Structure formats: C-alpha cells, structure tokens
Amino acid sequence: MAPRAARILSWALPLGLTIIAALLRIVGVGGPATLLFDETYYVKDAWTLWNLGYEGTWGDDPNAAFEAGDVNGYTDTGSFVAHPPLGKWIIGVGMALFGTGPFGWRIATALVGTLLVPLLYVVAKRLTGSLWLATVAGALIAIDPLAVAMSRIALLDSSLALFVLLAFWFVLLDRTGTVARIRASTDAIAGPTIWRRPWILAAGAALGLASAVKWSGLYALAVLGIAIVVMDAIDRRRAGVGRWVEAAIGRQGPVSFVLLVPPALAVYLAAWTGWFATDGGYDRDSSSNPFTALWNYHRTVLSFHETVTSGHTYASPAAEWIPMLNPTLMQRTTEDDGGVGLMAALPNPVLWWAAVVAVVWVAVRIFIALANKRPISGTDGFLLAGICATYAPWLLLPSRTMFTFYAITVLPFAILAVVVLAARLRARDDPERAAVARAATSTALIAILLVGLFFLPFGTGWVEPEWLYKAHLWLPSWYL
C-alpha cells in the first residue's frame, strides 16, 4: 500500500468506526423516558450534584415525578452514596447542557462509550502493528451489544472502562522512551533511575479518574503499579544490567510509585471538590477537618461494600461472566404482535468465548516463558495485566452482589487478546502456513463480526419479531 493511502486510511478507518459507534449509541438514546435499572440512583444523584455540589436526598418514590419533568423534589440533606462522584458529574454535564429529560441524562454516557472505540483502535494498532486488525478491534467494540447497551444507559461503568483503558494506553506510550534510556545507560550494574516519565504521570491521573468513578479503579492502579516495576525489571535484564531485580524494585520502583500514585490521589480528591466546597454533603460535619470527614465517609462506604450480599434477580458472580449465565436486563419491550425488544448486558458471545481461549493462550505463553527463565513478552504482560485489573479481583469476592455489566471494563482487553492472537497466528515464517493462517483468522474474525451484528439488537433495544428474538436465546438463562 502506498504511504499516502496508508496515512489516509489510518485516519479514515477509526473516524468511520467512531461515527458508526456514535450513531448506534446516540440515535434514539432519549427513549424510553423512564429511569432504567440503576439510573434511578445515578441520574438523580447527578442532578443534585450539579445543583448542590453533593448528592442530596429525595422524597419517597420520586421517579414518576422526575420522569415527568419535576426534577426539584430533592432536599439539601446529604445522601449516603456508595460510589465517588465523578461518574455522576459526567452524567450531570449532559443534563446541564441538554436538559433533564432522558436524552440529557444519557447523552454523556453515550459519548463516553463512543470514545472507547477510537481509543481501543489505537491501542490495538500499537500492539499488533496492523491497520486492519486495529480496525477489526474498533469494529468489534463499536457493534458489541454489551458496549452499546452500556453506552445507552446512564450508569458509571462505561466511564470506568474508558479511564482504565486510557491509563493502559499511557503506559504503552511510556515504553519506547523508557526502554531507550535504559539501553543508553552506561551503568551496567543498576541502570538509570528515570524521573522523566510524563506518560506515567498521565497514567496516574487517568487511574485517579477511574477510581473517582468507582473504587474498582483502584484494582487497575495496583495492577499497573506492579506491572510497571515488572516491565522495568525485564527491560533492565534485556539491556544487560547486572542487578536488574534490585534496581527495578529498590531504585526505580519508588520513583515509579511517586510518578503514579500521587497524581492518582490528587485527581481523585479533585473529584470531591463539590463536597469539600459545601457543608451539606454526607458526613461533611463529622469533623472540622474536611479530610478527616472524607476519611470517615470512606470508612462508611468501605463497610457498605464489604457487606453488599443482598439477593437480586440479575446478580451474577464473576465466575458466571465467562458463559454469561445471567445477563443483566436493562429494558424489555413487548408489542401486541409478539415483537420483543431487549437491552441487556450480554456481549457478543462468540467474541467473548474466543477471548477466553485467547487469554488462556496468553497465560500459557507467560507460564512457558517463566518456566524456561525467559523474559515474558511485553504484549502478553500488557494483556494479562488488563485482565487481572478488570476481572481477576471480582473472582476473589464470590459472595458480593455483582452484575454482568461490570464486564464492560474487561471487554476491551478481551478484544485485544483476540486480535493479538490473530496477529501472531498470521505472522508465520513459512509463507504457505502464513497464507493458511491469514485465511483462517480472517474467516474467524468476519464470523465474529457477523455474530456481533446479529446480537446488536440486544444492545440497542430494537424490537424484533418473536422468532428472531428466540433465535438469540442460545442458553436457557438468556430467556430475558
């Protein structure tokens, strides 16, 4: 391909994908005009945040009035909420700009979900080096029913997914300069101590944003912090540094901590500005020192999260997410002629199950590398870190009430695992085998895209004939 054509495509393809994603997420997002699922909490919290600077309380059964346009039924008494404020501030921006109707309370989440598409594209292009596989990755998330559904409802998890993936992207951008500095160092014993790592600062800020949406962003902060130290150790070993382990942990490790964690903390605290600047927020009067008062609030929230074990129709522990045994139903429409429309937290099942195979393949490669005392691949480490940050922690909390829509944070890394596997299968040295691999992987990826289109109505809530709706029910538990 000519360089000019390649440059045009490198802009045109992600732009086209972003436009498609925006249309799927924004068109019709103003319906239904009712609060869906946990919108009942986050939308009203967002409106009081915008008006009070903190989440206020509402009277009994305020939803009907709110949906009818009476959005002033709140009081200035602070309400206990289980999640930090940033995700609700994002929802509130949409309401401030576009009104308090359903379009206004959902548009910001739709835009956030749209931004996931070009971001995943650039990450996939860097990992695979392939314009076409990056395009496939962007297309897979653009039409994925889980990604679309979570963009068309005013919940917090799409914002969390965006900020977590953004942090991982920044760490990828840090790699080139850091590796070059380590290789250029004349210190053969420990290598350099590198303070100039602006992308790690940016990653810390992104993780602060993620944690200010939901505390599960802290999992990503912990995993990426460890991953940065491990990558530094591997890079020093490859550069011939003698005491590469001690240098990565004892010298560069504390520096990386300073570059990553304080920015995350500063951004996280900044998200609480409204709570700090007013005196009506929950627990705001528990101490004359606002930081102590915030600490008291956080202790209460932590206690709440530790005891969230109540039953729910759509509760689904993390072990069930792989087969998606109990997908969360967001909306159901039934028409007189038998037509059914669903919006559910169900990803493209073939993509999801292919990702399970790809992740297992990554884990096996890492195990073999470690068993043979070889450095692990940076791409493999990136993928494993992404899965560990977004999925593995939930496996440690089997009794906690959770839902399949939490998997939206896992989805980008699942897609990346699939396209990276495809890239490696296609990169055979033998031309004949490479041609077979290209044909096989292209067929598989096209099939996965077609299944994504088939399940797209579960993301948008489009009404289907009953026979077509039933054709989607591949497992009995999907009968939503």
Protein backbone atom coordinates (compact mmCIF):
# COMPACT_ATOMS: atom_id res chain seq x y z
CA MET A 1 0.00 0.00 0.00
CA ALA A 2 1.29 3.46 -0.90
CA PRO A 3 2.35 5.57 2.11
CA ARG A 4 -0.18 8.30 1.29
CA ALA A 5 -3.04 5.80 1.06
CA ALA A 6 -1.92 4.22 4.33
CA ARG A 7 -1.94 7.62 6.03
CA ILE A 8 -5.42 8.38 4.73
CA LEU A 9 -6.73 5.02 5.88
CA SER A 10 -5.09 5.38 9.29
CA TRP A 11 -7.34 8.40 9.85
CA ALA A 12 -10.39 7.43 7.81
CA LEU A 13 -10.91 3.98 9.32
CA PRO A 14 -11.01 4.99 13.01
CA LEU A 15 -13.06 8.07 12.10
CA GLY A 16 -15.58 5.92 10.25
CA LEU A 17 -15.76 3.47 13.16
CA THR A 18 -16.28 6.33 15.60
CA ILE A 19 -19.14 7.72 13.51
CA ILE A 20 -20.81 4.31 13.35
CA ALA A 21 -20.36 3.87 17.10
CA ALA A 22 -21.80 7.33 17.76
CA LEU A 23 -24.88 6.61 15.65
CA LEU A 24 -25.52 3.30 17.42
CA ARG A 25 -25.14 4.93 20.83
CA ILE A 26 -26.79 8.32 20.36
CA VAL A 27 -29.68 7.84 17.91
CA GLY A 28 -32.79 7.12 19.95
CA VAL A 29 -30.97 7.36 23.28
CA GLY A 30 -33.78 9.59 24.56
CA GLY A 31 -36.12 6.63 24.85
CA PRO A 32 -37.63 5.15 26.86
CA ALA A 33 -38.46 8.15 29.03
CA THR A 34 -38.16 6.12 32.22
CA LEU A 35 -35.27 5.55 34.59
CA LEU A 36 -33.76 2.18 33.70
CA PHE A 37 -32.12 -0.11 36.24
CA ASP A 38 -29.61 1.87 38.37
CA GLU A 39 -30.38 5.11 36.55
CA THR A 40 -32.82 5.50 39.44
CA TYR A 41 -29.79 6.31 41.64
CA TYR A 42 -27.18 7.86 39.38
CA VAL A 43 -29.34 10.26 37.39
CA LYS A 44 -30.94 11.87 40.42
CA ASP A 45 -27.57 11.94 42.21
CA ALA A 46 -26.09 13.64 39.15
CA TRP A 47 -28.76 16.32 39.17
CA THR A 48 -28.30 17.11 42.86
CA LEU A 49 -24.51 17.15 42.42
CA TRP A 50 -24.93 19.72 39.69
CA ASN A 51 -27.22 21.86 41.86
CA LEU A 52 -25.84 21.31 45.37
CA GLY A 53 -22.25 20.19 44.82
CA TYR A 54 -23.05 16.90 46.58
CA GLU A 55 -25.67 14.16 46.37
CA GLY A 56 -28.90 15.24 48.05
CA THR A 57 -31.81 13.15 49.27
CA TRP A 58 -35.15 12.70 47.55
CA GLY A 59 -38.62 12.01 48.91
CA ASP A 60 -40.45 8.71 48.72
CA ASP A 61 -40.99 7.32 45.20
CA PRO A 62 -39.67 10.35 43.31
CA ASN A 63 -39.13 8.59 39.98
CA ALA A 64 -42.54 9.24 38.41
CA ALA A 65 -42.31 12.96 39.08
CA PHE A 66 -38.70 13.10 37.87
CA GLU A 67 -39.57 11.27 34.66
CA ALA A 68 -42.47 13.71 34.13
CA GLY A 69 -40.08 16.67 34.36
CA ASP A 70 -40.38 17.64 38.02
CA VAL A 71 -36.69 17.49 38.94
CA ASN A 72 -36.83 19.66 42.05
CA GLY A 73 -38.02 17.07 44.53
CA TYR A 74 -34.69 16.87 46.33
CA THR A 75 -33.62 18.32 49.65
CA ASP A 76 -30.28 19.79 50.70
CA THR A 77 -29.72 16.95 53.18
CA GLY A 78 -26.69 14.92 52.13
CA SER A 79 -27.40 11.41 50.88
CA PHE A 80 -25.20 8.40 51.53
CA VAL A 81 -23.93 7.06 48.19
CA ALA A 82 -21.66 4.10 47.60
CA HIS A 83 -19.61 5.46 44.70
CA PRO A 84 -17.39 8.52 44.26
CA PRO A 85 -18.86 11.48 42.39
CA LEU A 86 -17.01 11.72 39.06
CA GLY A 87 -19.22 9.37 37.04
CA LYS A 88 -22.28 11.26 38.22
CA TRP A 89 -20.64 14.60 37.43
CA ILE A 90 -20.19 13.31 33.87
CA ILE A 91 -23.89 12.39 33.67
CA GLY A 92 -24.75 15.77 35.16
CA VAL A 93 -22.84 17.64 32.44
CA GLY A 94 -25.15 16.10 29.86
CA MET A 95 -28.20 17.19 31.86
CA ALA A 96 -26.84 20.70 32.26
CA LEU A 97 -26.25 21.02 28.51
CA PHE A 98 -29.19 19.10 27.06
CA GLY A 99 -31.89 19.26 29.69
CA THR A 100 -33.25 16.93 32.34
CA GLY A 101 -35.08 14.57 30.01
CA PRO A 102 -33.83 11.09 29.12
CA PHE A 103 -31.65 12.37 26.26
CA GLY A 104 -29.96 14.78 28.64
CA TRP A 105 -29.29 12.21 31.32
CA ARG A 106 -27.92 9.61 28.84
CA ILE A 107 -26.01 11.63 26.24
CA ALA A 108 -22.77 11.98 28.25
CA THR A 109 -22.54 8.22 28.77
CA ALA A 110 -23.22 7.69 25.06
CA LEU A 111 -20.32 9.98 24.19
CA VAL A 112 -18.04 8.24 26.69
CA GLY A 113 -18.93 4.86 25.18
CA THR A 114 -18.21 6.24 21.72
CA LEU A 115 -14.73 7.36 22.76
CA LEU A 116 -13.87 3.78 23.73
CA VAL A 117 -13.86 2.89 20.03
CA PRO A 118 -11.00 5.11 18.74
CA LEU A 119 -9.07 4.51 21.95
CA LEU A 120 -9.23 0.74 21.52
CA TYR A 121 -8.26 1.18 17.87
CA VAL A 122 -5.01 2.99 18.70
CA VAL A 123 -4.13 0.51 21.45
CA ALA A 124 -4.76 -2.45 19.11
CA LYS A 125 -2.69 -0.84 16.36
CA ARG A 126 0.25 -0.39 18.71
CA LEU A 127 0.04 -3.98 19.98
CA THR A 128 -0.46 -5.69 16.61
CA GLY A 129 1.22 -3.25 14.22
CA SER A 130 -1.67 -3.91 11.84
CA LEU A 131 -4.05 -1.29 10.49
CA TRP A 132 -6.60 -3.96 9.61
CA LEU A 133 -6.54 -5.80 12.92
CA ALA A 134 -6.85 -2.46 14.72
CA THR A 135 -9.88 -1.75 12.54
CA VAL A 136 -11.36 -5.12 13.46
CA ALA A 137 -10.81 -4.37 17.16
CA GLY A 138 -12.53 -1.00 16.79
CA ALA A 139 -15.40 -2.56 14.85
CA LEU A 140 -15.86 -5.33 17.43
CA ILE A 141 -16.38 -2.86 20.26
CA ALA A 142 -18.36 -0.44 18.07
CA ILE A 143 -21.09 -3.03 17.48
CA ASP A 144 -20.73 -5.17 20.60
CA PRO A 145 -24.15 -5.39 22.30
CA LEU A 146 -22.68 -5.04 25.80
CA ALA A 147 -20.69 -1.93 24.82
CA VAL A 148 -23.68 -0.41 23.03
CA ALA A 149 -26.11 -1.15 25.85
CA MET A 150 -23.78 0.32 28.48
CA SER A 151 -23.46 3.46 26.35
CA ARG A 152 -27.23 3.93 26.10
CA ILE A 153 -27.94 3.91 29.82
CA ALA A 154 -26.73 6.39 32.43
CA LEU A 155 -24.58 4.08 34.53
CA LEU A 156 -20.98 4.54 35.67
CA ASP A 157 -19.18 1.59 34.14
CA SER A 158 -18.53 2.92 30.64
CA SER A 159 -16.68 5.87 32.15
CA LEU A 160 -14.70 3.46 34.32
CA ALA A 161 -13.81 1.35 31.28
CA LEU A 162 -12.66 4.41 29.32
CA PHE A 163 -10.36 5.73 32.05
CA VAL A 164 -8.84 2.31 32.78
CA LEU A 165 -8.06 1.68 29.11
CA LEU A 166 -6.69 5.22 28.83
CA ALA A 167 -4.27 4.52 31.69
CA PHE A 168 -3.06 1.34 29.99
CA TRP A 169 -2.59 3.29 26.76
CA PHE A 170 -0.43 5.85 28.55
CA VAL A 171 1.74 3.08 29.99
CA LEU A 172 2.22 1.73 26.46
CA LEU A 173 3.31 5.18 25.31
CA ASP A 174 5.84 5.29 28.14
CA ARG A 175 7.57 2.14 26.94
CA THR A 176 9.52 3.47 23.95
CA GLY A 177 11.32 6.30 25.73
CA THR A 178 11.94 4.30 28.89
CA VAL A 179 13.46 1.33 27.06
CA ALA A 180 15.70 3.68 25.05
CA ARG A 181 17.00 5.36 28.22
CA ILE A 182 17.74 2.04 29.89
CA ARG A 183 19.65 0.80 26.85
CA ALA A 184 21.60 4.06 26.58
CA SER A 185 22.69 3.99 30.21
CA THR A 186 26.37 3.43 31.00
CA ASP A 187 25.56 2.00 34.43
CA ALA A 188 25.92 -1.73 33.81
CA ILE A 189 25.20 -2.61 37.43
CA ALA A 190 21.80 -0.98 38.10
CA GLY A 191 20.91 1.07 35.05
CA PRO A 192 19.39 4.56 35.20
CA THR A 193 16.89 5.99 37.65
CA ILE A 194 14.34 7.66 35.37
CA TRP A 195 12.25 10.55 36.66
CA ARG A 196 11.22 11.98 33.31
CA ARG A 197 8.26 9.72 32.52
CA PRO A 198 5.33 12.03 31.70
CA TRP A 199 3.18 9.17 30.44
CA ILE A 200 3.32 7.51 33.86
CA LEU A 201 2.12 10.80 35.37
CA ALA A 202 -0.69 10.76 32.82
CA ALA A 203 -1.50 7.13 33.65
CA GLY A 204 -1.71 8.04 37.33
CA ALA A 205 -4.12 10.87 36.53
CA ALA A 206 -6.26 8.53 34.40
CA LEU A 207 -6.36 5.98 37.22
CA GLY A 208 -7.38 8.75 39.61
CA LEU A 209 -10.27 9.48 37.25
CA ALA A 210 -11.17 5.79 37.13
CA SER A 211 -11.11 5.48 40.93
CA ALA A 212 -13.22 8.65 41.20
CA VAL A 213 -15.89 6.88 39.15
CA LYS A 214 -15.79 3.58 41.04
CA TRP A 215 -13.38 2.22 43.61
CA SER A 216 -12.68 -0.75 41.37
CA GLY A 217 -10.36 1.65 39.54
CA LEU A 218 -8.02 1.01 42.47
CA TYR A 219 -7.54 -2.55 41.21
CA ALA A 220 -6.14 -1.14 37.98
CA LEU A 221 -3.92 1.25 39.93
CA ALA A 222 -2.44 -1.63 41.93
CA VAL A 223 -2.00 -3.92 38.93
CA LEU A 224 -0.43 -1.26 36.72
CA GLY A 225 1.90 -0.20 39.52
CA ILE A 226 3.17 -3.76 39.83
CA ALA A 227 3.30 -4.17 36.04
CA ILE A 228 5.45 -1.05 35.64
CA VAL A 229 8.01 -2.44 38.11
CA VAL A 230 8.00 -5.83 36.38
CA MET A 231 8.46 -4.22 32.96
CA ASP A 232 11.34 -2.13 34.28
CA ALA A 233 12.99 -5.28 35.60
CA ILE A 234 12.58 -7.10 32.28
CA ASP A 235 13.89 -4.11 30.32
CA ARG A 236 16.98 -3.89 32.54
CA ARG A 237 17.66 -7.58 32.17
CA ARG A 238 17.40 -7.34 28.37
CA ALA A 239 19.78 -4.36 28.45
CA GLY A 240 22.37 -6.44 30.31
CA VAL A 241 22.02 -4.70 33.68
CA GLY A 242 23.68 -6.86 36.34
CA ARG A 243 21.41 -6.26 39.33
CA TRP A 244 18.22 -5.81 37.35
CA VAL A 245 15.81 -7.08 40.02
CA GLU A 246 17.22 -4.94 42.84
CA ALA A 247 17.41 -1.89 40.57
CA ALA A 248 13.83 -2.22 39.34
CA ILE A 249 12.42 -2.69 42.83
CA GLY A 250 14.75 -0.67 45.03
CA ARG A 251 15.78 2.22 42.78
CA GLN A 252 13.22 2.73 40.02
CA GLY A 253 10.30 1.27 41.97
CA PRO A 254 9.98 4.14 44.49
CA VAL A 255 10.33 6.68 41.67
CA SER A 256 7.59 4.97 39.67
CA PHE A 257 5.40 4.98 42.77
CA VAL A 258 5.86 8.75 43.14
CA LEU A 259 5.08 9.29 39.47
CA LEU A 260 1.96 7.10 39.50
CA VAL A 261 0.21 7.24 42.87
CA PRO A 262 0.28 10.91 43.99
CA PRO A 263 -1.22 12.12 40.68
CA ALA A 264 -3.94 9.49 41.06
CA LEU A 265 -4.65 10.66 44.61
CA ALA A 266 -4.68 14.34 43.60
CA VAL A 267 -7.12 13.74 40.76
CA TYR A 268 -9.30 11.54 42.96
CA LEU A 269 -9.52 14.24 45.63
CA ALA A 270 -10.24 16.88 42.98
CA ALA A 271 -13.35 14.93 42.02
CA TRP A 272 -14.67 15.63 45.53
CA THR A 273 -14.33 19.41 45.12
CA GLY A 274 -18.07 19.96 45.37
CA TRP A 275 -18.22 18.00 48.61
CA PHE A 276 -15.26 19.95 50.02
CA ALA A 277 -16.60 23.34 48.92
CA THR A 278 -20.01 22.89 50.56
CA ASP A 279 -21.10 21.83 54.01
CA GLY A 280 -24.18 19.70 53.30
CA GLY A 281 -22.65 16.50 51.94
CA TYR A 282 -22.99 13.20 53.76
CA ASP A 283 -20.63 13.03 56.76
CA ARG A 284 -19.31 16.52 55.91
CA ASP A 285 -19.92 17.60 59.52
CA SER A 286 -18.29 14.53 61.09
CA SER A 287 -15.08 16.51 61.66
CA SER A 288 -13.92 20.10 61.45
CA ASN A 289 -11.06 18.84 59.29
CA PRO A 290 -12.59 18.15 55.84
CA PHE A 291 -10.03 15.46 55.04
CA THR A 292 -10.85 13.64 58.26
CA ALA A 293 -14.54 13.97 57.45
CA LEU A 294 -13.91 12.50 53.99
CA TRP A 295 -11.96 9.68 55.58
CA ASN A 296 -14.92 8.97 57.87
CA TYR A 297 -17.21 8.89 54.84
CA HIS A 298 -14.88 6.47 53.07
CA ARG A 299 -14.83 4.15 56.06
CA THR A 300 -18.63 4.02 55.92
CA VAL A 301 -18.56 3.32 52.19
CA LEU A 302 -15.97 0.56 52.66
CA SER A 303 -18.15 -1.07 55.30
CA PHE A 304 -21.07 -0.93 52.88
CA HIS A 305 -19.13 -2.57 50.05
CA GLU A 306 -17.92 -5.33 52.35
CA THR A 307 -21.50 -6.30 53.16
CA VAL A 308 -23.19 -5.98 49.74
CA THR A 309 -24.53 -9.52 49.57
CA SER A 310 -28.24 -8.93 49.04
CA GLY A 311 -30.03 -11.09 46.50
CA HIS A 312 -31.04 -9.71 43.11
CA THR A 313 -32.77 -11.22 40.10
CA TYR A 314 -29.80 -10.41 37.88
CA ALA A 315 -26.98 -10.91 40.38
CA SER A 316 -24.11 -12.76 38.70
CA PRO A 317 -20.79 -13.63 40.38
CA ALA A 318 -17.68 -13.17 38.26
CA ALA A 319 -17.30 -16.90 37.61
CA GLU A 320 -20.61 -16.78 35.71
CA TRP A 321 -19.44 -13.98 33.42
CA ILE A 322 -17.49 -16.35 31.16
CA PRO A 323 -20.62 -18.23 29.99
CA MET A 324 -22.74 -15.13 30.76
CA LEU A 325 -25.24 -17.26 32.66
CA ASN A 326 -27.35 -14.39 34.00
CA PRO A 327 -27.04 -11.26 31.83
CA THR A 328 -28.48 -8.10 33.34
CA LEU A 329 -31.73 -6.99 31.69
CA MET A 330 -31.89 -3.21 31.33
CA GLN A 331 -35.07 -2.82 29.31
CA ARG A 332 -37.76 -5.04 27.79
CA THR A 333 -40.43 -4.02 25.28
CA THR A 334 -43.24 -6.35 24.23
CA GLU A 335 -45.59 -5.43 21.42
CA ASP A 336 -49.08 -6.74 20.69
CA ASP A 337 -47.93 -8.54 17.56
CA GLY A 338 -45.43 -10.55 19.59
CA GLY A 339 -42.41 -8.40 18.85
CA VAL A 340 -39.79 -8.23 21.62
CA GLY A 341 -37.14 -5.62 22.25
CA LEU A 342 -34.37 -6.16 24.81
CA MET A 343 -31.44 -4.16 26.04
CA ALA A 344 -29.20 -6.43 28.09
CA ALA A 345 -25.64 -6.68 29.39
CA LEU A 346 -24.75 -9.54 27.04
CA PRO A 347 -21.60 -9.28 24.90
CA ASN A 348 -21.13 -10.88 21.51
CA PRO A 349 -20.97 -14.49 22.77
CA VAL A 350 -18.60 -15.83 20.11
CA LEU A 351 -16.21 -12.94 20.69
CA TRP A 352 -16.43 -13.45 24.44
CA TRP A 353 -15.73 -17.17 24.30
CA ALA A 354 -12.96 -16.70 21.72
CA ALA A 355 -11.41 -14.24 24.16
CA VAL A 356 -11.39 -16.92 26.86
CA VAL A 357 -9.29 -19.09 24.55
CA ALA A 358 -7.01 -16.16 23.72
CA VAL A 359 -6.47 -15.23 27.37
CA VAL A 360 -5.67 -18.85 28.27
CA TRP A 361 -3.18 -18.86 25.38
CA VAL A 362 -1.53 -15.71 26.78
CA ALA A 363 -1.34 -17.27 30.24
CA VAL A 364 0.27 -20.42 28.83
CA ARG A 365 2.86 -18.38 26.92
CA ILE A 366 3.75 -16.48 30.08
CA PHE A 367 4.00 -19.72 32.09
CA ILE A 368 6.29 -21.29 29.49
CA ALA A 369 8.49 -18.20 29.40
CA LEU A 370 8.82 -18.15 33.18
CA ALA A 371 9.45 -21.91 33.35
CA ASN A 372 12.29 -21.51 30.87
CA LYS A 373 13.61 -18.40 32.66
CA ARG A 374 12.95 -16.20 29.67
CA PRO A 375 11.53 -12.67 29.84
CA ILE A 376 7.83 -12.56 29.09
CA SER A 377 6.56 -10.72 26.03
CA GLY A 378 5.57 -7.13 26.74
CA THR A 379 2.34 -7.63 24.80
CA ASP A 380 1.50 -10.75 26.80
CA GLY A 381 2.21 -8.89 30.02
CA PHE A 382 0.01 -6.00 28.91
CA LEU A 383 -2.93 -8.31 28.18
CA LEU A 384 -2.53 -10.28 31.39
CA ALA A 385 -2.33 -7.06 33.40
CA GLY A 386 -5.51 -5.82 31.75
CA ILE A 387 -7.42 -8.98 32.63
CA CYS A 388 -6.01 -9.01 36.16
CA ALA A 389 -7.01 -5.37 36.68
CA THR A 390 -10.56 -5.69 35.39
CA TYR A 391 -11.68 -9.27 36.00
CA ALA A 392 -9.49 -11.25 38.41
CA PRO A 393 -10.30 -9.16 41.54
CA TRP A 394 -14.00 -9.94 41.22
CA LEU A 395 -13.22 -13.67 41.41
CA LEU A 396 -11.91 -13.06 44.93
CA LEU A 397 -15.31 -11.71 46.04
CA PRO A 398 -17.73 -14.55 45.22
CA SER A 399 -20.30 -13.59 47.86
CA ARG A 400 -20.55 -9.94 46.85
CA THR A 401 -23.53 -8.87 44.76
CA MET A 402 -22.31 -8.07 41.25
CA PHE A 403 -23.70 -7.96 37.73
CA THR A 404 -22.60 -8.92 34.23
CA PHE A 405 -22.46 -5.30 33.11
CA TYR A 406 -19.30 -4.92 35.23
CA ALA A 407 -17.66 -6.87 32.38
CA ILE A 408 -17.63 -3.74 30.19
CA THR A 409 -14.23 -2.95 31.71
CA VAL A 410 -12.97 -6.42 30.71
CA LEU A 411 -14.32 -6.22 27.15
CA PRO A 412 -11.54 -4.03 25.62
CA PHE A 413 -8.85 -6.39 26.88
CA ALA A 414 -10.85 -9.41 25.70
CA ILE A 415 -10.96 -7.92 22.20
CA LEU A 416 -7.25 -7.09 22.32
CA ALA A 417 -6.45 -10.69 23.28
CA VAL A 418 -8.38 -11.95 20.26
CA VAL A 419 -6.72 -9.63 17.72
CA VAL A 420 -3.25 -10.20 19.19
CA LEU A 421 -3.78 -13.96 18.86
CA ALA A 422 -4.85 -13.41 15.25
CA ALA A 423 -1.77 -11.28 14.60
CA ARG A 424 0.58 -13.94 15.92
CA LEU A 425 -1.10 -16.74 14.01
CA ARG A 426 -0.74 -14.72 10.82
CA ALA A 427 2.94 -13.95 11.43
CA ARG A 428 4.26 -17.36 10.40
CA ASP A 429 7.72 -17.64 8.86
CA ASP A 430 6.59 -20.25 6.37
CA PRO A 431 4.73 -18.46 3.53
CA GLU A 432 2.32 -21.33 2.93
CA ARG A 433 1.38 -21.63 6.59
CA ALA A 434 1.11 -17.87 6.86
CA ALA A 435 -1.36 -17.81 3.96
CA VAL A 436 -3.47 -20.51 5.60
CA ALA A 437 -3.37 -18.66 8.93
CA ARG A 438 -4.40 -15.39 7.29
CA ALA A 439 -7.34 -17.07 5.59
CA ALA A 440 -8.43 -18.87 8.77
CA THR A 441 -8.12 -15.84 11.06
CA SER A 442 -9.86 -13.57 8.53
CA THR A 443 -12.76 -16.03 8.29
CA ALA A 444 -12.97 -16.31 12.08
CA LEU A 445 -12.88 -12.55 12.64
CA ILE A 446 -15.54 -11.93 9.96
CA ALA A 447 -17.73 -14.58 11.59
CA ILE A 448 -17.30 -12.90 14.99
CA LEU A 449 -18.24 -9.54 13.47
CA LEU A 450 -21.36 -11.05 11.89
CA VAL A 451 -22.42 -12.55 15.21
CA GLY A 452 -21.90 -9.13 16.78
CA LEU A 453 -24.28 -7.64 14.21
CA PHE A 454 -26.76 -10.43 14.88
CA PHE A 455 -26.79 -9.65 18.61
CA LEU A 456 -26.73 -5.88 18.13
CA PRO A 457 -30.49 -5.54 18.90
CA PHE A 458 -29.71 -6.66 22.46
CA GLY A 459 -27.55 -3.56 22.73
CA THR A 460 -29.97 -1.05 21.24
CA GLY A 461 -33.31 -2.45 22.42
CA TRP A 462 -34.64 -2.65 18.85
CA VAL A 463 -37.90 -4.59 18.65
CA GLU A 464 -37.60 -7.90 16.79
CA PRO A 465 -40.14 -10.44 15.62
CA GLU A 466 -40.62 -13.12 18.25
CA TRP A 467 -38.95 -15.80 16.12
CA LEU A 468 -35.83 -13.68 15.70
CA TYR A 469 -35.75 -12.82 19.39
CA LYS A 470 -35.89 -16.54 20.23
CA ALA A 471 -33.07 -17.23 17.78
CA HIS A 472 -30.81 -15.21 20.09
CA LEU A 473 -31.52 -17.40 23.13
CA TRP A 474 -28.54 -19.69 22.86
CA LEU A 475 -28.64 -20.58 26.56
CA PRO A 476 -31.79 -21.15 28.64
CA SER A 477 -30.72 -18.46 31.12
CA TRP A 478 -30.77 -15.88 28.32
CA TYR A 479 -34.56 -16.05 28.19
CA LEU A 480 -34.88 -12.50 29.48
